[in-house]
Amino acid sequence: AMNRVQLLGRVGQDPIMRQVEGKNPVTIFSLATNEMWRTGESELNQGGEIWHPTLLFLCNLGDISQKTTWHRISVFRPGLRDVTYQYVKKGARIFVEGKIDYGEYTDKNNVRRQATTIIA
């Protein structure tokens, strides 16, 4: 089995470092990725394929749609955690590789929530 993800996107906010008592610190930031695709009645698009952004502007077949997805990134490894905190800034375009972690937590209103995090 393999749990691996690669993302290329823009940082949504300057990273923050958190430390819970008795645990190692973690650097956390958000990363936005964008998908672009062409919609319309063209036979070429009936499968709903995702088109490369550069190709979208070379073809005039249908409308262009875009979706932004936000990812929560957590960095635990000491060297990488510190470099991320010090040098990564809002708006920077970066590549992140890590694993997906699905977890649950209880919010301040005592409601159980699910959270998906990329552990880099």
Protein backbone atom coordinates (compact mmCIF):
# COMPACT_ATOMS: atom_id res chain seq x y z
CA ALA A 1 0.00 0.00 0.00
CA MET A 2 1.10 3.55 -0.64
CA ASN A 3 -0.09 6.89 0.75
CA ARG A 4 1.63 9.67 -1.18
CA VAL A 5 0.52 13.01 -2.58
CA GLN A 6 2.29 15.69 -4.63
CA LEU A 7 0.93 19.23 -4.83
CA LEU A 8 2.04 22.34 -6.68
CA GLY A 9 0.30 25.50 -5.60
CA ARG A 10 0.41 28.84 -3.84
CA VAL A 11 0.75 29.38 -0.10
CA GLY A 12 -2.41 30.91 1.39
CA GLN A 13 -0.95 32.42 4.55
CA ASP A 14 2.43 32.73 6.25
CA PRO A 15 3.18 29.48 8.09
CA ILE A 16 2.62 29.32 11.83
CA MET A 17 4.40 27.09 14.31
CA ARG A 18 2.41 25.39 17.04
CA GLN A 19 3.47 23.27 19.94
CA VAL A 20 1.21 21.27 22.18
CA GLU A 21 2.60 20.54 25.63
CA GLY A 22 4.63 17.35 25.62
CA LYS A 23 4.71 17.09 21.80
CA ASN A 24 7.08 18.23 19.07
CA PRO A 25 6.31 21.54 17.33
CA VAL A 26 4.63 21.56 13.91
CA THR A 27 4.61 24.18 11.16
CA ILE A 28 1.19 24.62 9.51
CA PHE A 29 0.10 26.49 6.39
CA SER A 30 -2.52 26.30 3.66
CA LEU A 31 -1.83 25.63 -0.01
CA ALA A 32 -4.17 26.41 -2.92
CA THR A 33 -4.19 24.24 -6.04
CA ASN A 34 -6.17 25.07 -9.18
CA GLU A 35 -7.83 22.83 -11.74
CA MET A 36 -8.92 24.23 -15.09
CA TRP A 37 -11.11 22.51 -17.64
CA ARG A 38 -13.13 23.27 -20.68
CA THR A 39 -16.89 22.88 -20.71
CA GLY A 40 -19.25 22.87 -23.64
CA GLU A 41 -20.78 20.61 -26.22
CA SER A 42 -17.61 19.61 -28.01
CA GLU A 43 -17.15 15.87 -28.61
CA LEU A 44 -13.60 16.25 -27.32
CA ASN A 45 -14.84 17.12 -23.83
CA GLN A 46 -17.61 14.55 -23.32
CA GLY A 47 -15.51 12.62 -20.80
CA GLY A 48 -14.93 15.69 -18.62
CA GLU A 49 -11.16 15.58 -19.07
CA ILE A 50 -8.90 18.01 -17.27
CA TRP A 51 -6.93 20.08 -19.78
CA HIS A 52 -3.48 21.51 -19.29
CA PRO A 53 -3.83 25.28 -18.56
CA THR A 54 -1.57 26.24 -21.47
CA LEU A 55 -3.70 24.27 -23.92
CA LEU A 56 -6.86 25.96 -22.69
CA PHE A 57 -5.85 29.23 -24.27
CA LEU A 58 -4.90 27.61 -27.58
CA CYS A 59 -8.35 26.07 -28.09
CA ASN A 60 -11.55 28.02 -28.39
CA LEU A 61 -13.96 25.13 -27.84
CA GLY A 62 -16.28 25.78 -24.91
CA ASP A 63 -16.02 27.81 -21.75
CA ILE A 64 -13.14 27.56 -19.29
CA SER A 65 -13.94 26.67 -15.70
CA GLN A 66 -11.64 26.73 -12.70
CA LYS A 67 -11.78 25.18 -9.25
CA THR A 68 -9.50 26.11 -6.34
CA THR A 69 -8.90 23.51 -3.64
CA TRP A 70 -7.34 24.44 -0.28
CA HIS A 71 -5.06 21.95 1.47
CA ARG A 72 -3.85 22.04 5.08
CA ILE A 73 -0.13 21.24 5.22
CA SER A 74 1.64 20.14 8.43
CA VAL A 75 5.43 19.81 8.66
CA PHE A 76 6.80 17.85 11.63
CA ARG A 77 10.40 17.00 10.58
CA PRO A 78 12.70 19.33 12.57
CA GLY A 79 14.92 20.68 9.75
CA LEU A 80 12.15 21.02 7.20
CA ARG A 81 9.73 22.39 9.79
CA ASP A 82 12.09 25.22 10.72
CA VAL A 83 13.06 26.10 7.12
CA THR A 84 9.37 26.15 6.13
CA TYR A 85 8.50 28.45 9.02
CA GLN A 86 11.38 30.82 8.27
CA TYR A 87 11.34 31.05 4.46
CA VAL A 88 7.90 30.10 3.07
CA LYS A 89 5.65 33.14 2.69
CA LYS A 90 2.09 33.86 1.58
CA GLY A 91 1.77 33.80 -2.21
CA ALA A 92 4.89 31.69 -2.81
CA ARG A 93 4.50 28.93 -5.39
CA ILE A 94 5.82 25.71 -3.88
CA PHE A 95 5.87 21.95 -4.43
CA VAL A 96 4.79 19.78 -1.49
CA GLU A 97 5.17 16.02 -1.21
CA GLY A 98 3.76 14.03 1.68
CA LYS A 99 1.03 11.70 2.85
CA ILE A 100 -2.68 12.23 3.43
CA ASP A 101 -3.90 12.00 7.01
CA TYR A 102 -7.60 11.81 7.87
CA GLY A 103 -8.49 12.74 11.43
CA GLU A 104 -11.30 13.85 13.68
CA TYR A 105 -11.54 16.56 16.29
CA THR A 106 -14.19 18.17 18.46
CA ASP A 107 -14.73 21.88 17.86
CA LYS A 108 -15.46 24.54 20.47
CA ASN A 109 -19.21 23.85 20.12
CA ASN A 110 -18.61 20.18 20.98
CA VAL A 111 -19.32 19.08 17.38
CA ARG A 112 -17.24 16.27 15.90
CA ARG A 113 -15.48 17.37 12.70
CA GLN A 114 -13.32 15.61 10.15
CA ALA A 115 -10.05 17.07 8.94
CA THR A 116 -7.80 16.12 6.05
CA THR A 117 -4.14 17.12 6.37
CA ILE A 118 -1.10 16.64 4.16
CA ILE A 119 1.86 15.57 6.31
CA ALA A 120 4.95 16.89 4.49
